[in-house]
């Protein structure tokens, strides 16, 4: 019985860690950088303030 409980705790810990990592990655992807963005392309120079 103790083995089943240890496996359950292990799985809950792994799932919790996975949710935390995925949440952090989503936060980083949605966060916009501060500052100025400068693009040089075929249409010329483009400067955007963030």
PDB file of N, CA and C in Angstrom:
ATOM      1  N   UNK A   1       0.823  -1.196   0.000  1.00  0.00           N
ATOM      2  CA  UNK A   1       0.000   0.000   0.000  1.00  0.00           C
ATOM      3  C   UNK A   1       0.865   1.257   0.000  1.00  0.00           C
ATOM      4  N   UNK A   2       1.977   1.211   0.703  1.00  0.00           N
ATOM      5  CA  UNK A   2       2.867   2.365   0.787  1.00  0.00           C
ATOM      6  C   UNK A   2       3.491   2.686  -0.561  1.00  0.00           C
ATOM      7  N   UNK A   3       3.766   1.648  -1.373  1.00  0.00           N
ATOM      8  CA  UNK A   3       4.354   1.870  -2.686  1.00  0.00           C
ATOM      9  C   UNK A   3       3.406   2.651  -3.587  1.00  0.00           C
ATOM     10  N   UNK A   4       2.132   2.345  -3.516  1.00  0.00           N
ATOM     11  CA  UNK A   4       1.144   3.046  -4.344  1.00  0.00           C
ATOM     12  C   UNK A   4       1.041   4.516  -3.948  1.00  0.00           C
ATOM     13  N   UNK A   5       1.132   4.772  -2.660  1.00  0.00           N
ATOM     14  CA  UNK A   5       1.046   6.153  -2.182  1.00  0.00           C
ATOM     15  C   UNK A   5       2.282   6.941  -2.627  1.00  0.00           C
ATOM     16  N   UNK A   6       3.459   6.319  -2.578  1.00  0.00           N
ATOM     17  CA  UNK A   6       4.678   6.996  -3.023  1.00  0.00           C
ATOM     18  C   UNK A   6       4.628   7.299  -4.511  1.00  0.00           C
ATOM     19  N   UNK A   7       4.106   6.382  -5.302  1.00  0.00           N
ATOM     20  CA  UNK A   7       3.975   6.607  -6.738  1.00  0.00           C
ATOM     21  C   UNK A   7       2.999   7.749  -7.000  1.00  0.00           C
ATOM     22  N   UNK A   8       1.914   7.796  -6.250  1.00  0.00           N
ATOM     23  CA  UNK A   8       0.929   8.869  -6.408  1.00  0.00           C
ATOM     24  C   UNK A   8       1.557  10.225  -6.083  1.00  0.00           C
ATOM     25  N   UNK A   9       2.300  10.311  -4.988  1.00  0.00           N
ATOM     26  CA  UNK A   9       2.971  11.562  -4.631  1.00  0.00           C
ATOM     27  C   UNK A   9       3.977  11.966  -5.704  1.00  0.00           C
ATOM     28  N   UNK A  10       4.695  11.006  -6.245  1.00  0.00           N
ATOM     29  CA  UNK A  10       5.668  11.274  -7.297  1.00  0.00           C
ATOM     30  C   UNK A  10       4.978  11.841  -8.532  1.00  0.00           C
ATOM     31  N   UNK A  11       3.864  11.226  -8.953  1.00  0.00           N
ATOM     32  CA  UNK A  11       3.140  11.701 -10.126  1.00  0.00           C
ATOM     33  C   UNK A  11       2.552  13.094  -9.915  1.00  0.00           C
ATOM     34  N   UNK A  12       2.024  13.347  -8.733  1.00  0.00           N
ATOM     35  CA  UNK A  12       1.488  14.678  -8.434  1.00  0.00           C
ATOM     36  C   UNK A  12       2.606  15.715  -8.465  1.00  0.00           C
ATOM     37  N   UNK A  13       3.770  15.372  -7.954  1.00  0.00           N
ATOM     38  CA  UNK A  13       4.912  16.288  -7.992  1.00  0.00           C
ATOM     39  C   UNK A  13       5.368  16.576  -9.414  1.00  0.00           C
ATOM     40  N   UNK A  14       5.422  15.547 -10.249  1.00  0.00           N
ATOM     41  CA  UNK A  14       5.819  15.730 -11.651  1.00  0.00           C
ATOM     42  C   UNK A  14       4.810  16.609 -12.386  1.00  0.00           C
ATOM     43  N   UNK A  15       3.520  16.362 -12.184  1.00  0.00           N
ATOM     44  CA  UNK A  15       2.490  17.169 -12.837  1.00  0.00           C
ATOM     45  C   UNK A  15       2.522  18.623 -12.367  1.00  0.00           C
ATOM     46  N   UNK A  16       2.764  18.836 -11.087  1.00  0.00           N
ATOM     47  CA  UNK A  16       2.862  20.193 -10.562  1.00  0.00           C
ATOM     48  C   UNK A  16       4.046  20.930 -11.175  1.00  0.00           C
ATOM     49  N   UNK A  17       5.175  20.257 -11.264  1.00  0.00           N
ATOM     50  CA  UNK A  17       6.354  20.871 -11.872  1.00  0.00           C
ATOM     51  C   UNK A  17       6.107  21.186 -13.344  1.00  0.00           C
ATOM     52  N   UNK A  18       5.443  20.297 -14.063  1.00  0.00           N
ATOM     53  CA  UNK A  18       5.155  20.520 -15.481  1.00  0.00           C
ATOM     54  C   UNK A  18       4.237  21.728 -15.665  1.00  0.00           C
ATOM     55  N   UNK A  19       3.228  21.863 -14.821  1.00  0.00           N
ATOM     56  CA  UNK A  19       2.320  23.006 -14.918  1.00  0.00           C
ATOM     57  C   UNK A  19       3.073  24.303 -14.632  1.00  0.00           C
ATOM     58  N   UNK A  20       3.960  24.284 -13.653  1.00  0.00           N
ATOM     59  CA  UNK A  20       4.747  25.482 -13.337  1.00  0.00           C
ATOM     60  C   UNK A  20       5.649  25.873 -14.501  1.00  0.00           C
ATOM     61  N   UNK A  21       6.325  24.920 -15.098  1.00  0.00           N
ATOM     62  CA  UNK A  21       7.223  25.208 -16.217  1.00  0.00           C
ATOM     63  C   UNK A  21       6.435  25.726 -17.415  1.00  0.00           C
ATOM     64  N   UNK A  22       5.325  25.096 -17.733  1.00  0.00           N
ATOM     65  CA  UNK A  22       4.512  25.551 -18.863  1.00  0.00           C
ATOM     66  C   UNK A  22       3.929  26.939 -18.612  1.00  0.00           C
ATOM     67  N   UNK A  23       3.509  27.208 -17.407  1.00  0.00           N
ATOM     68  CA  UNK A  23       2.990  28.530 -17.064  1.00  0.00           C
ATOM     69  C   UNK A  23       4.055  29.604 -17.193  1.00  0.00           C
ATOM     70  N   UNK A  24       5.259  29.320 -16.736  1.00  0.00           N
ATOM     71  CA  UNK A  24       6.352  30.277 -16.848  1.00  0.00           C
ATOM     72  C   UNK A  24       6.709  30.532 -18.314  1.00  0.00           C
ATOM     73  N   UNK A  25       6.748  29.474 -19.120  1.00  0.00           N
ATOM     74  CA  UNK A  25       7.046  29.639 -20.545  1.00  0.00           C
ATOM     75  C   UNK A  25       5.973  30.470 -21.239  1.00  0.00           C
ATOM     76  N   UNK A  26       4.726  30.266 -20.896  1.00  0.00           N
ATOM     77  CA  UNK A  26       3.636  31.056 -21.471  1.00  0.00           C
ATOM     78  C   UNK A  26       3.754  32.514 -21.054  1.00  0.00           C
ATOM     79  N   UNK A  27       4.100  32.757 -19.801  1.00  0.00           N
ATOM     80  CA  UNK A  27       4.292  34.123 -19.312  1.00  0.00           C
ATOM     81  C   UNK A  27       5.418  34.817 -20.072  1.00  0.00           C
ATOM     82  N   UNK A  28       6.531  34.140 -20.273  1.00  0.00           N
ATOM     83  CA  UNK A  28       7.657  34.723 -21.000  1.00  0.00           C
ATOM     84  C   UNK A  28       7.302  35.004 -22.455  1.00  0.00           C
ATOM     85  N   UNK A  29       6.507  34.132 -23.080  1.00  0.00           N
ATOM     86  CA  UNK A  29       6.129  34.324 -24.480  1.00  0.00           C
ATOM     87  C   UNK A  29       5.184  35.515 -24.637  1.00  0.00           C
ATOM     88  N   UNK A  30       4.305  35.752 -23.673  1.00  0.00           N
ATOM     89  CA  UNK A  30       3.331  36.837 -23.767  1.00  0.00           C
ATOM     90  C   UNK A  30       3.909  38.183 -23.352  1.00  0.00           C
ATOM     91  N   UNK A  31       4.957  38.175 -22.534  1.00  0.00           N
ATOM     92  CA  UNK A  31       5.527  39.409 -22.025  1.00  0.00           C
ATOM     93  C   UNK A  31       6.240  40.156 -23.151  1.00  0.00           C
ATOM     94  N   UNK A  32       5.910  41.421 -23.338  1.00  0.00           N
ATOM     95  CA  UNK A  32       6.546  42.217 -24.372  1.00  0.00           C
ATOM     96  C   UNK A  32       7.770  42.913 -23.783  1.00  0.00           C
ATOM     97  N   UNK A  33       8.841  42.962 -24.539  1.00  0.00           N
ATOM     98  CA  UNK A  33      10.037  43.630 -24.036  1.00  0.00           C
ATOM     99  C   UNK A  33       9.852  45.147 -23.976  1.00  0.00           C
ATOM    100  N   UNK A  34      10.519  45.770 -23.019  1.00  0.00           N
ATOM    101  CA  UNK A  34      10.496  47.222 -22.896  1.00  0.00           C
ATOM    102  C   UNK A  34      11.610  47.812 -23.745  1.00  0.00           C
ATOM    103  N   UNK A  35      11.401  49.040 -24.195  1.00  0.00           N
ATOM    104  CA  UNK A  35      12.459  49.718 -24.931  1.00  0.00           C
ATOM    105  C   UNK A  35      12.036  50.068 -26.342  1.00  0.00           C
ATOM    106  N   UNK A  36      13.015  50.085 -27.222  1.00  0.00           N
ATOM    107  CA  UNK A  36      12.827  50.483 -28.615  1.00  0.00           C
ATOM    108  C   UNK A  36      13.202  49.328 -29.519  1.00  0.00           C
ATOM    109  N   UNK A  37      12.395  49.120 -30.550  1.00  0.00           N
ATOM    110  CA  UNK A  37      12.689  48.088 -31.539  1.00  0.00           C
ATOM    111  C   UNK A  37      13.013  48.783 -32.858  1.00  0.00           C
ATOM    112  N   UNK A  38      14.152  48.420 -33.452  1.00  0.00           N
ATOM    113  CA  UNK A  38      14.590  49.003 -34.718  1.00  0.00           C
ATOM    114  C   UNK A  38      14.657  47.893 -35.757  1.00  0.00           C
ATOM    115  N   UNK A  39      13.913  48.070 -36.856  1.00  0.00           N
ATOM    116  CA  UNK A  39      13.899  47.095 -37.940  1.00  0.00           C
ATOM    117  C   UNK A  39      14.390  47.757 -39.222  1.00  0.00           C
ATOM    118  N   UNK A  40      15.260  47.073 -39.927  1.00  0.00           N
ATOM    119  CA  UNK A  40      15.734  47.537 -41.224  1.00  0.00           C
ATOM    120  C   UNK A  40      15.359  46.477 -42.240  1.00  0.00           C
ATOM    121  N   UNK A  41      14.433  46.813 -43.125  1.00  0.00           N
ATOM    122  CA  UNK A  41      13.947  45.843 -44.094  1.00  0.00           C
ATOM    123  C   UNK A  41      13.822  46.459 -45.470  1.00  0.00           C
ATOM    124  N   UNK A  42      13.136  45.766 -46.361  1.00  0.00           N
ATOM    125  CA  UNK A  42      13.001  46.254 -47.729  1.00  0.00           C
ATOM    126  C   UNK A  42      12.212  47.574 -47.819  1.00  0.00           C
ATOM    127  N   UNK A  43      11.393  47.865 -46.823  1.00  0.00           N
ATOM    128  CA  UNK A  43      10.619  49.115 -46.834  1.00  0.00           C
ATOM    129  C   UNK A  43      11.335  50.255 -46.137  1.00  0.00           C
ATOM    130  N   UNK A  44      12.555  50.038 -45.701  1.00  0.00           N
ATOM    131  CA  UNK A  44      13.331  51.086 -45.037  1.00  0.00           C
ATOM    132  C   UNK A  44      13.469  50.833 -43.557  1.00  0.00           C
ATOM    133  N   UNK A  45      13.796  51.899 -42.836  1.00  0.00           N
ATOM    134  CA  UNK A  45      14.045  51.846 -41.410  1.00  0.00           C
ATOM    135  C   UNK A  45      12.740  52.066 -40.657  1.00  0.00           C
ATOM    136  N   UNK A  46      12.492  51.235 -39.647  1.00  0.00           N
ATOM    137  CA  UNK A  46      11.273  51.340 -38.858  1.00  0.00           C
ATOM    138  C   UNK A  46      11.667  51.311 -37.379  1.00  0.00           C
ATOM    139  N   UNK A  47      11.254  52.327 -36.615  1.00  0.00           N
ATOM    140  CA  UNK A  47      11.565  52.424 -35.194  1.00  0.00           C
ATOM    141  C   UNK A  47      10.254  52.452 -34.426  1.00  0.00           C
ATOM    142  N   UNK A  48      10.112  51.548 -33.465  1.00  0.00           N
ATOM    143  CA  UNK A  48       8.901  51.456 -32.647  1.00  0.00           C
ATOM    144  C   UNK A  48       9.271  51.582 -31.178  1.00  0.00           C
ATOM    145  N   UNK A  49       8.560  52.423 -30.468  1.00  0.00           N
ATOM    146  CA  UNK A  49       8.710  52.502 -29.015  1.00  0.00           C
ATOM    147  C   UNK A  49       7.780  51.499 -28.345  1.00  0.00           C
ATOM    148  N   UNK A  50       8.293  50.753 -27.421  1.00  0.00           N
ATOM    149  CA  UNK A  50       7.478  49.741 -26.723  1.00  0.00           C
ATOM    150  C   UNK A  50       7.066  50.263 -25.372  1.00  0.00           C
TER     151      UNK A  50
END
